[in-house]
Amino acid sequence: MTAPKAARTGPAVIAMWSPPRCRSTAFERMMIERGDLTVLHEPFNVLVSKGSYEIGGRVLRGQTALLDAIIDLAETGGRPVYFKDTTDFRYTELLADPRFTTAIQHTFIIRDPAEAIASHYARNPELTAEQVGFGLCHEIFEAVRAATGTVPPVVDADDLVTDPAGTAAAYSLRTGLPHRPDALSWQAGERSEWRVFEDWHRDAAASTGIHTRSGTYADTVHNNPRLAALHAAQLPFHEELRAHRIGAHRGAAA
C-alpha cells in the first residue's frame, strides 16, 4: 500500500512582487540559501521580455501556460515553489486569471521610490512611469486583497537592510515557512538563473548577505525634472503599500 503524502505545512506557491531596483534579488538569494524551496527567477518578466520561460524542459510562451506550469511544479515537485518577479510590465493575461489571486500566496517588497528611480534610470534612461513599477505593484496588491479578503505582507527594503533577521523572521511567520536564520549569509557568486539579466544583478552576485548598497547617481529626483515627475506619480502607491509593511518594529502582522 502506498503511504499517504505528508500534509503540506505552508503554501504551495509563494510569489514576491517588486518594482525594479528594490533589493528583491538579494531577498531571492536569501530564499535560495534556505534550501527547502524551488526558486524561480522572474518567470513572467522573462516571458514578456524574451518571449518564453523554461521550467523542467518545458518552454512556456503564454502567461496562463506559465501559471499552470508553476502550480503543477509545486504540486508534483515535493516542495514549495517561490518566485520573485518585477512589475515593470502589466501582466494582463495573468491578472485576468482568477487562479492567479487565489492559488498563490502573494507577497511584496518595496523601497524608497527616490532610490529605486535613480538606480533604474542609471540603467534605463528611457524609463517610463509604468516601468518604475509601483503603480503596477499596487494593482496586484489590491487585486489579491479584493480576491482573498486578506492583506498581503509587504517587506520594506529599508527594514530588510537595518534588521535582516527580524524582517526575515516576520516574513517566514506571515508566509507559513520555517524561519532559517542561517540563510541570511551565503557565498558570493553569479547564479545561472540571473544570466538572462546579468547586468542588473551584479550587486546581488557580489553580495554575501543583506547589506546596504545604495549607489551615488548623477541624476536623481532632486535634480532631474523628469525623474521628479515620475517620483511624484509613484509616491502615493509606495505610501499605500508601505502602510502594510511587516517587521519586528511593528510585530509580524501588518
C-alpha atoms as a PDB file:
ATOM      1  CA  MET A   1       0.000   0.000   0.000  1.00  0.00           C
ATOM      2  CA  THR A   2       1.301   3.450  -0.898  1.00  0.00           C
ATOM      3  CA  ALA A   3       1.862   5.657   2.128  1.00  0.00           C
ATOM      4  CA  PRO A   4      -0.188   8.872   2.119  1.00  0.00           C
ATOM      5  CA  LYS A   5       1.679  12.052   1.315  1.00  0.00           C
ATOM      6  CA  ALA A   6       2.595  14.219   4.271  1.00  0.00           C
ATOM      7  CA  ALA A   7       0.385  17.242   4.670  1.00  0.00           C
ATOM      8  CA  ARG A   8       1.961  20.454   3.428  1.00  0.00           C
ATOM      9  CA  THR A   9       2.597  22.853   6.284  1.00  0.00           C
ATOM     10  CA  GLY A  10       2.932  26.012   4.196  1.00  0.00           C
ATOM     11  CA  PRO A  11       1.730  27.483   0.922  1.00  0.00           C
ATOM     12  CA  ALA A  12       2.439  25.600  -2.311  1.00  0.00           C
ATOM     13  CA  VAL A  13       3.442  28.728  -4.253  1.00  0.00           C
ATOM     14  CA  ILE A  14       4.767  31.993  -2.829  1.00  0.00           C
ATOM     15  CA  ALA A  15       5.255  34.983  -5.115  1.00  0.00           C
ATOM     16  CA  MET A  16       7.186  38.128  -4.274  1.00  0.00           C
ATOM     17  CA  TRP A  17       6.377  41.131  -6.442  1.00  0.00           C
ATOM     18  CA  SER A  18       8.696  44.095  -6.629  1.00  0.00           C
ATOM     19  CA  PRO A  19       9.160  47.309  -8.564  1.00  0.00           C
ATOM     20  CA  PRO A  20      12.617  47.099 -10.199  1.00  0.00           C
ATOM     21  CA  ARG A  21      15.653  48.047  -8.099  1.00  0.00           C
ATOM     22  CA  CYS A  22      14.033  47.298  -4.730  1.00  0.00           C
ATOM     23  CA  ARG A  23      16.550  44.690  -3.488  1.00  0.00           C
ATOM     24  CA  SER A  24      14.255  41.836  -4.470  1.00  0.00           C
ATOM     25  CA  THR A  25      17.143  39.825  -5.933  1.00  0.00           C
ATOM     26  CA  ALA A  26      19.016  39.980  -2.614  1.00  0.00           C
ATOM     27  CA  PHE A  27      15.867  38.718  -0.921  1.00  0.00           C
ATOM     28  CA  GLU A  28      15.600  35.977  -3.558  1.00  0.00           C
ATOM     29  CA  ARG A  29      19.214  34.986  -2.850  1.00  0.00           C
ATOM     30  CA  MET A  30      18.284  34.520   0.792  1.00  0.00           C
ATOM     31  CA  MET A  31      15.349  32.321  -0.224  1.00  0.00           C
ATOM     32  CA  ILE A  32      17.656  30.217  -2.408  1.00  0.00           C
ATOM     33  CA  GLU A  33      20.018  29.769   0.549  1.00  0.00           C
ATOM     34  CA  ARG A  34      17.199  28.229   2.604  1.00  0.00           C
ATOM     35  CA  GLY A  35      17.474  25.064   0.519  1.00  0.00           C
ATOM     36  CA  ASP A  36      13.875  23.981   1.080  1.00  0.00           C
ATOM     37  CA  LEU A  37      12.232  25.819  -1.830  1.00  0.00           C
ATOM     38  CA  THR A  38      12.188  25.545  -5.594  1.00  0.00           C
ATOM     39  CA  VAL A  39      13.084  29.094  -6.619  1.00  0.00           C
ATOM     40  CA  LEU A  40      12.170  30.601  -9.990  1.00  0.00           C
ATOM     41  CA  HIS A  41      13.704  33.886 -11.083  1.00  0.00           C
ATOM     42  CA  GLU A  42      11.376  36.464 -12.662  1.00  0.00           C
ATOM     43  CA  PRO A  43       9.378  33.986 -14.752  1.00  0.00           C
ATOM     44  CA  PHE A  44       6.778  36.431 -16.042  1.00  0.00           C
ATOM     45  CA  ASN A  45       9.267  39.232 -16.667  1.00  0.00           C
ATOM     46  CA  VAL A  46      11.461  36.845 -18.672  1.00  0.00           C
ATOM     47  CA  LEU A  47       8.414  35.565 -20.553  1.00  0.00           C
ATOM     48  CA  VAL A  48       7.352  39.063 -21.601  1.00  0.00           C
ATOM     49  CA  SER A  49      10.902  40.279 -22.297  1.00  0.00           C
ATOM     50  CA  LYS A  50      12.247  37.222 -24.107  1.00  0.00           C
ATOM     51  CA  GLY A  51       9.092  35.509 -25.376  1.00  0.00           C
ATOM     52  CA  SER A  52       9.345  32.316 -23.340  1.00  0.00           C
ATOM     53  CA  TYR A  53      10.302  30.799 -19.996  1.00  0.00           C
ATOM     54  CA  GLU A  54      11.509  27.244 -19.392  1.00  0.00           C
ATOM     55  CA  ILE A  55      10.506  25.015 -16.483  1.00  0.00           C
ATOM     56  CA  GLY A  56      11.748  21.445 -16.328  1.00  0.00           C
ATOM     57  CA  GLY A  57      12.460  21.283 -20.039  1.00  0.00           C
ATOM     58  CA  ARG A  58       9.072  22.747 -20.955  1.00  0.00           C
ATOM     59  CA  VAL A  59       9.162  26.004 -22.902  1.00  0.00           C
ATOM     60  CA  LEU A  60       6.189  28.178 -21.932  1.00  0.00           C
ATOM     61  CA  ARG A  61       5.094  31.030 -24.195  1.00  0.00           C
ATOM     62  CA  GLY A  62       1.898  32.305 -22.568  1.00  0.00           C
ATOM     63  CA  GLN A  63       1.183  33.761 -19.131  1.00  0.00           C
ATOM     64  CA  THR A  64      -1.622  31.288 -18.385  1.00  0.00           C
ATOM     65  CA  ALA A  65       0.506  28.343 -19.514  1.00  0.00           C
ATOM     66  CA  LEU A  66       3.332  29.547 -17.283  1.00  0.00           C
ATOM     67  CA  LEU A  67       0.965  29.892 -14.328  1.00  0.00           C
ATOM     68  CA  ASP A  68      -0.230  26.318 -14.958  1.00  0.00           C
ATOM     69  CA  ALA A  69       3.367  25.085 -15.003  1.00  0.00           C
ATOM     70  CA  ILE A  70       4.275  26.852 -11.747  1.00  0.00           C
ATOM     71  CA  ILE A  71       1.252  25.427  -9.933  1.00  0.00           C
ATOM     72  CA  ASP A  72       1.974  21.967 -11.369  1.00  0.00           C
ATOM     73  CA  LEU A  73       5.611  22.182 -10.265  1.00  0.00           C
ATOM     74  CA  ALA A  74       4.515  22.976  -6.703  1.00  0.00           C
ATOM     75  CA  GLU A  75       2.046  20.074  -6.694  1.00  0.00           C
ATOM     76  CA  THR A  76       4.440  17.486  -8.122  1.00  0.00           C
ATOM     77  CA  GLY A  77       7.899  18.712  -7.158  1.00  0.00           C
ATOM     78  CA  GLY A  78       7.789  17.785  -3.487  1.00  0.00           C
ATOM     79  CA  ARG A  79       8.465  21.224  -2.050  1.00  0.00           C
ATOM     80  CA  PRO A  80       7.030  24.731  -2.226  1.00  0.00           C
ATOM     81  CA  VAL A  81       7.796  26.999  -5.157  1.00  0.00           C
ATOM     82  CA  TYR A  82       8.962  30.554  -4.551  1.00  0.00           C
ATOM     83  CA  PHE A  83       9.272  33.033  -7.376  1.00  0.00           C
ATOM     84  CA  LYS A  84      10.127  36.686  -7.378  1.00  0.00           C
ATOM     85  CA  ASP A  85       9.127  38.934 -10.215  1.00  0.00           C
ATOM     86  CA  THR A  86       9.176  42.585 -11.145  1.00  0.00           C
ATOM     87  CA  THR A  87       6.342  44.930 -12.009  1.00  0.00           C
ATOM     88  CA  ASP A  88       7.840  46.895 -14.881  1.00  0.00           C
ATOM     89  CA  PHE A  89       5.236  45.192 -17.077  1.00  0.00           C
ATOM     90  CA  ARG A  90       1.489  44.821 -16.635  1.00  0.00           C
ATOM     91  CA  TYR A  91       0.683  41.103 -16.837  1.00  0.00           C
ATOM     92  CA  THR A  92      -2.794  41.475 -18.314  1.00  0.00           C
ATOM     93  CA  GLU A  93      -3.417  37.804 -19.064  1.00  0.00           C
ATOM     94  CA  LEU A  94      -2.244  36.811 -15.606  1.00  0.00           C
ATOM     95  CA  LEU A  95      -4.438  39.361 -13.838  1.00  0.00           C
ATOM     96  CA  ALA A  96      -7.462  38.095 -15.773  1.00  0.00           C
ATOM     97  CA  ASP A  97      -6.997  34.521 -14.487  1.00  0.00           C
ATOM     98  CA  PRO A  98      -8.886  34.035 -11.179  1.00  0.00           C
ATOM     99  CA  ARG A  99      -6.388  31.376 -10.060  1.00  0.00           C
ATOM    100  CA  PHE A 100      -3.666  33.991 -10.010  1.00  0.00           C
ATOM    101  CA  THR A 101      -5.039  35.709  -6.931  1.00  0.00           C
ATOM    102  CA  THR A 102      -6.309  32.601  -5.117  1.00  0.00           C
ATOM    103  CA  ALA A 103      -3.880  29.740  -5.908  1.00  0.00           C
ATOM    104  CA  ILE A 104      -0.730  31.659  -4.924  1.00  0.00           C
ATOM    105  CA  GLN A 105       0.322  33.386  -1.725  1.00  0.00           C
ATOM    106  CA  HIS A 106       1.415  36.841  -2.822  1.00  0.00           C
ATOM    107  CA  THR A 107       3.969  38.969  -1.018  1.00  0.00           C
ATOM    108  CA  PHE A 108       5.633  42.264  -1.933  1.00  0.00           C
ATOM    109  CA  ILE A 109       8.871  44.172  -1.446  1.00  0.00           C
ATOM    110  CA  ILE A 110       9.270  47.923  -1.906  1.00  0.00           C
ATOM    111  CA  ARG A 111      11.955  50.572  -1.483  1.00  0.00           C
ATOM    112  CA  ASP A 112      12.091  54.351  -1.214  1.00  0.00           C
ATOM    113  CA  PRO A 113      10.995  55.242  -4.762  1.00  0.00           C
ATOM    114  CA  ALA A 114      13.530  58.074  -4.979  1.00  0.00           C
ATOM    115  CA  GLU A 115      16.332  55.496  -4.631  1.00  0.00           C
ATOM    116  CA  ALA A 116      14.664  52.965  -6.905  1.00  0.00           C
ATOM    117  CA  ILE A 117      14.066  55.541  -9.644  1.00  0.00           C
ATOM    118  CA  ALA A 118      17.640  56.866  -9.587  1.00  0.00           C
ATOM    119  CA  SER A 119      19.041  53.340  -9.718  1.00  0.00           C
ATOM    120  CA  HIS A 120      16.665  52.314 -12.507  1.00  0.00           C
ATOM    121  CA  TYR A 121      17.274  55.448 -14.598  1.00  0.00           C
ATOM    122  CA  ALA A 122      21.044  54.886 -14.451  1.00  0.00           C
ATOM    123  CA  ARG A 123      20.483  51.634 -16.366  1.00  0.00           C
ATOM    124  CA  ASN A 124      17.454  52.681 -18.416  1.00  0.00           C
ATOM    125  CA  PRO A 125      17.449  56.360 -19.485  1.00  0.00           C
ATOM    126  CA  GLU A 126      14.137  55.806 -21.321  1.00  0.00           C
ATOM    127  CA  LEU A 127      12.445  54.963 -18.020  1.00  0.00           C
ATOM    128  CA  THR A 128       8.637  55.368 -18.027  1.00  0.00           C
ATOM    129  CA  ALA A 129       6.129  55.586 -15.172  1.00  0.00           C
ATOM    130  CA  GLU A 130       4.902  52.073 -15.894  1.00  0.00           C
ATOM    131  CA  GLN A 131       8.441  50.708 -15.786  1.00  0.00           C
ATOM    132  CA  VAL A 132       9.085  52.316 -12.389  1.00  0.00           C
ATOM    133  CA  GLY A 133       6.535  49.769 -11.285  1.00  0.00           C
ATOM    134  CA  PHE A 134       4.991  50.959  -8.022  1.00  0.00           C
ATOM    135  CA  GLY A 135       1.592  51.501  -9.654  1.00  0.00           C
ATOM    136  CA  LEU A 136       1.556  48.022 -11.164  1.00  0.00           C
ATOM    137  CA  CYS A 137       2.762  46.516  -7.886  1.00  0.00           C
ATOM    138  CA  HIS A 138      -0.082  48.274  -6.095  1.00  0.00           C
ATOM    139  CA  GLU A 139      -2.546  46.955  -8.685  1.00  0.00           C
ATOM    140  CA  ILE A 140      -1.546  43.353  -7.939  1.00  0.00           C
ATOM    141  CA  PHE A 141      -1.672  44.046  -4.192  1.00  0.00           C
ATOM    142  CA  GLU A 142      -5.229  45.388  -4.437  1.00  0.00           C
ATOM    143  CA  ALA A 143      -6.359  42.539  -6.710  1.00  0.00           C
ATOM    144  CA  VAL A 144      -5.090  39.992  -4.183  1.00  0.00           C
ATOM    145  CA  ARG A 145      -6.648  41.824  -1.248  1.00  0.00           C
ATOM    146  CA  ALA A 146     -10.013  42.041  -3.013  1.00  0.00           C
ATOM    147  CA  ALA A 147      -9.999  38.375  -4.052  1.00  0.00           C
ATOM    148  CA  THR A 148      -8.835  36.906  -0.730  1.00  0.00           C
ATOM    149  CA  GLY A 149     -10.151  39.356   1.855  1.00  0.00           C
ATOM    150  CA  THR A 150      -6.696  39.445   3.457  1.00  0.00           C
ATOM    151  CA  VAL A 151      -3.857  41.963   3.405  1.00  0.00           C
ATOM    152  CA  PRO A 152      -0.728  40.528   1.753  1.00  0.00           C
ATOM    153  CA  PRO A 153       2.575  41.068   3.562  1.00  0.00           C
ATOM    154  CA  VAL A 154       4.852  43.862   2.353  1.00  0.00           C
ATOM    155  CA  VAL A 155       8.586  43.954   3.041  1.00  0.00           C
ATOM    156  CA  ASP A 156      10.217  47.389   3.137  1.00  0.00           C
ATOM    157  CA  ALA A 157      13.779  47.144   1.801  1.00  0.00           C
ATOM    158  CA  ASP A 158      14.908  49.712   4.393  1.00  0.00           C
ATOM    159  CA  ASP A 159      13.709  47.397   7.169  1.00  0.00           C
ATOM    160  CA  LEU A 160      15.424  44.493   5.433  1.00  0.00           C
ATOM    161  CA  VAL A 161      18.852  46.149   5.490  1.00  0.00           C
ATOM    162  CA  THR A 162      18.545  47.602   9.011  1.00  0.00           C
ATOM    163  CA  ASP A 163      17.091  44.440  10.564  1.00  0.00           C
ATOM    164  CA  PRO A 164      17.603  41.450   8.247  1.00  0.00           C
ATOM    165  CA  ALA A 165      16.953  38.835  10.915  1.00  0.00           C
ATOM    166  CA  GLY A 166      13.783  40.433  12.262  1.00  0.00           C
ATOM    167  CA  THR A 167      12.371  41.126   8.816  1.00  0.00           C
ATOM    168  CA  ALA A 168      13.133  37.601   7.594  1.00  0.00           C
ATOM    169  CA  ALA A 169      11.543  36.119  10.719  1.00  0.00           C
ATOM    170  CA  ALA A 170       8.404  38.216  10.240  1.00  0.00           C
ATOM    171  CA  TYR A 171       8.219  37.170   6.585  1.00  0.00           C
ATOM    172  CA  SER A 172       8.548  33.497   7.481  1.00  0.00           C
ATOM    173  CA  LEU A 173       5.791  33.818  10.056  1.00  0.00           C
ATOM    174  CA  ARG A 174       3.446  35.531   7.621  1.00  0.00           C
ATOM    175  CA  THR A 175       4.070  33.012   4.847  1.00  0.00           C
ATOM    176  CA  GLY A 176       3.989  29.881   6.982  1.00  0.00           C
ATOM    177  CA  LEU A 177       7.604  28.952   6.237  1.00  0.00           C
ATOM    178  CA  PRO A 178      10.006  27.813   8.960  1.00  0.00           C
ATOM    179  CA  HIS A 179      12.447  30.568   9.871  1.00  0.00           C
ATOM    180  CA  ARG A 180      16.010  29.856   8.690  1.00  0.00           C
ATOM    181  CA  PRO A 181      18.465  32.317  10.286  1.00  0.00           C
ATOM    182  CA  ASP A 182      21.374  30.554   8.564  1.00  0.00           C
ATOM    183  CA  ALA A 183      20.002  31.701   5.185  1.00  0.00           C
ATOM    184  CA  LEU A 184      20.966  35.317   5.947  1.00  0.00           C
ATOM    185  CA  SER A 185      24.516  34.768   4.647  1.00  0.00           C
ATOM    186  CA  TRP A 186      25.913  32.986   1.596  1.00  0.00           C
ATOM    187  CA  GLN A 187      28.887  32.673  -0.719  1.00  0.00           C
ATOM    188  CA  ALA A 188      29.234  35.405  -3.328  1.00  0.00           C
ATOM    189  CA  GLY A 189      28.795  34.288  -6.909  1.00  0.00           C
ATOM    190  CA  GLU A 190      26.754  34.535 -10.083  1.00  0.00           C
ATOM    191  CA  ARG A 191      23.624  32.411 -10.365  1.00  0.00           C
ATOM    192  CA  SER A 192      22.797  30.716 -13.658  1.00  0.00           C
ATOM    193  CA  GLU A 193      19.184  31.885 -13.452  1.00  0.00           C
ATOM    194  CA  TRP A 194      20.367  35.525 -13.292  1.00  0.00           C
ATOM    195  CA  ARG A 195      22.290  35.409 -16.579  1.00  0.00           C
ATOM    196  CA  VAL A 196      19.288  36.424 -18.656  1.00  0.00           C
ATOM    197  CA  PHE A 197      19.522  39.876 -17.000  1.00  0.00           C
ATOM    198  CA  GLU A 198      23.124  39.614 -15.787  1.00  0.00           C
ATOM    199  CA  ASP A 199      23.921  43.336 -15.831  1.00  0.00           C
ATOM    200  CA  TRP A 200      21.043  44.053 -13.458  1.00  0.00           C
ATOM    201  CA  HIS A 201      22.173  41.567 -10.809  1.00  0.00           C
ATOM    202  CA  ARG A 202      25.858  42.295 -10.322  1.00  0.00           C
ATOM    203  CA  ASP A 203      25.401  43.686  -6.808  1.00  0.00           C
ATOM    204  CA  ALA A 204      23.436  40.602  -5.759  1.00  0.00           C
ATOM    205  CA  ALA A 205      26.087  38.328  -7.280  1.00  0.00           C
ATOM    206  CA  ALA A 206      28.829  40.117  -5.312  1.00  0.00           C
ATOM    207  CA  SER A 207      26.895  40.046  -2.043  1.00  0.00           C
ATOM    208  CA  THR A 208      27.355  37.680   0.895  1.00  0.00           C
ATOM    209  CA  GLY A 209      24.296  38.795   2.830  1.00  0.00           C
ATOM    210  CA  ILE A 210      21.721  41.550   3.174  1.00  0.00           C
ATOM    211  CA  HIS A 211      23.668  44.813   3.152  1.00  0.00           C
ATOM    212  CA  THR A 212      23.072  48.448   2.264  1.00  0.00           C
ATOM    213  CA  ARG A 213      24.336  49.109  -1.254  1.00  0.00           C
ATOM    214  CA  SER A 214      22.876  52.484  -2.172  1.00  0.00           C
ATOM    215  CA  GLY A 215      24.828  53.978  -5.046  1.00  0.00           C
ATOM    216  CA  THR A 216      25.500  57.596  -5.957  1.00  0.00           C
ATOM    217  CA  TYR A 217      23.783  58.732  -9.138  1.00  0.00           C
ATOM    218  CA  ALA A 218      24.251  61.782 -11.349  1.00  0.00           C
ATOM    219  CA  ASP A 219      20.509  62.037 -11.992  1.00  0.00           C
ATOM    220  CA  THR A 220      18.078  61.934  -9.087  1.00  0.00           C
ATOM    221  CA  VAL A 221      14.528  63.016  -8.319  1.00  0.00           C
ATOM    222  CA  HIS A 222      16.076  66.149  -6.789  1.00  0.00           C
ATOM    223  CA  ASN A 223      17.939  67.429  -9.852  1.00  0.00           C
ATOM    224  CA  ASN A 224      16.133  65.886 -12.839  1.00  0.00           C
ATOM    225  CA  PRO A 225      12.607  67.248 -13.511  1.00  0.00           C
ATOM    226  CA  ARG A 226      11.503  64.124 -15.400  1.00  0.00           C
ATOM    227  CA  LEU A 227      12.566  61.891 -12.537  1.00  0.00           C
ATOM    228  CA  ALA A 228      10.865  64.247 -10.094  1.00  0.00           C
ATOM    229  CA  ALA A 229       7.623  63.858 -12.053  1.00  0.00           C
ATOM    230  CA  LEU A 230       7.962  60.070 -12.055  1.00  0.00           C
ATOM    231  CA  HIS A 231       8.557  60.172  -8.309  1.00  0.00           C
ATOM    232  CA  ALA A 232       5.504  62.333  -7.656  1.00  0.00           C
ATOM    233  CA  ALA A 233       3.312  59.949  -9.659  1.00  0.00           C
ATOM    234  CA  GLN A 234       4.629  56.792  -7.983  1.00  0.00           C
ATOM    235  CA  LEU A 235       4.944  58.015  -4.386  1.00  0.00           C
ATOM    236  CA  PRO A 236       1.239  57.549  -3.452  1.00  0.00           C
ATOM    237  CA  PHE A 237       1.401  53.874  -4.470  1.00  0.00           C
ATOM    238  CA  HIS A 238       4.553  53.404  -2.410  1.00  0.00           C
ATOM    239  CA  GLU A 239       2.995  55.011   0.644  1.00  0.00           C
ATOM    240  CA  GLU A 240      -0.133  52.838   0.422  1.00  0.00           C
ATOM    241  CA  LEU A 241       1.962  49.683   0.159  1.00  0.00           C
ATOM    242  CA  ARG A 242       4.338  50.768   2.919  1.00  0.00           C
ATOM    243  CA  ALA A 243       1.399  51.179   5.320  1.00  0.00           C
ATOM    244  CA  HIS A 244       1.210  47.361   5.390  1.00  0.00           C
ATOM    245  CA  ARG A 245       4.887  46.617   5.878  1.00  0.00           C
ATOM    246  CA  ILE A 246       5.880  43.817   8.211  1.00  0.00           C
ATOM    247  CA  GLY A 247       8.811  43.607  10.595  1.00  0.00           C
ATOM    248  CA  ALA A 248       9.927  43.260  14.182  1.00  0.00           C
ATOM    249  CA  HIS A 249       9.424  47.001  14.711  1.00  0.00           C
ATOM    250  CA  ARG A 250       5.662  46.538  14.474  1.00  0.00           C
ATOM    251  CA  GLY A 251       5.142  42.842  15.105  1.00  0.00           C
ATOM    252  CA  ALA A 252       4.676  40.184  12.460  1.00  0.00           C
ATOM    253  CA  ALA A 253       1.240  41.336  11.391  1.00  0.00           C
ATOM    254  CA  ALA A 254       0.669  44.260   9.083  1.00  0.00           C
END
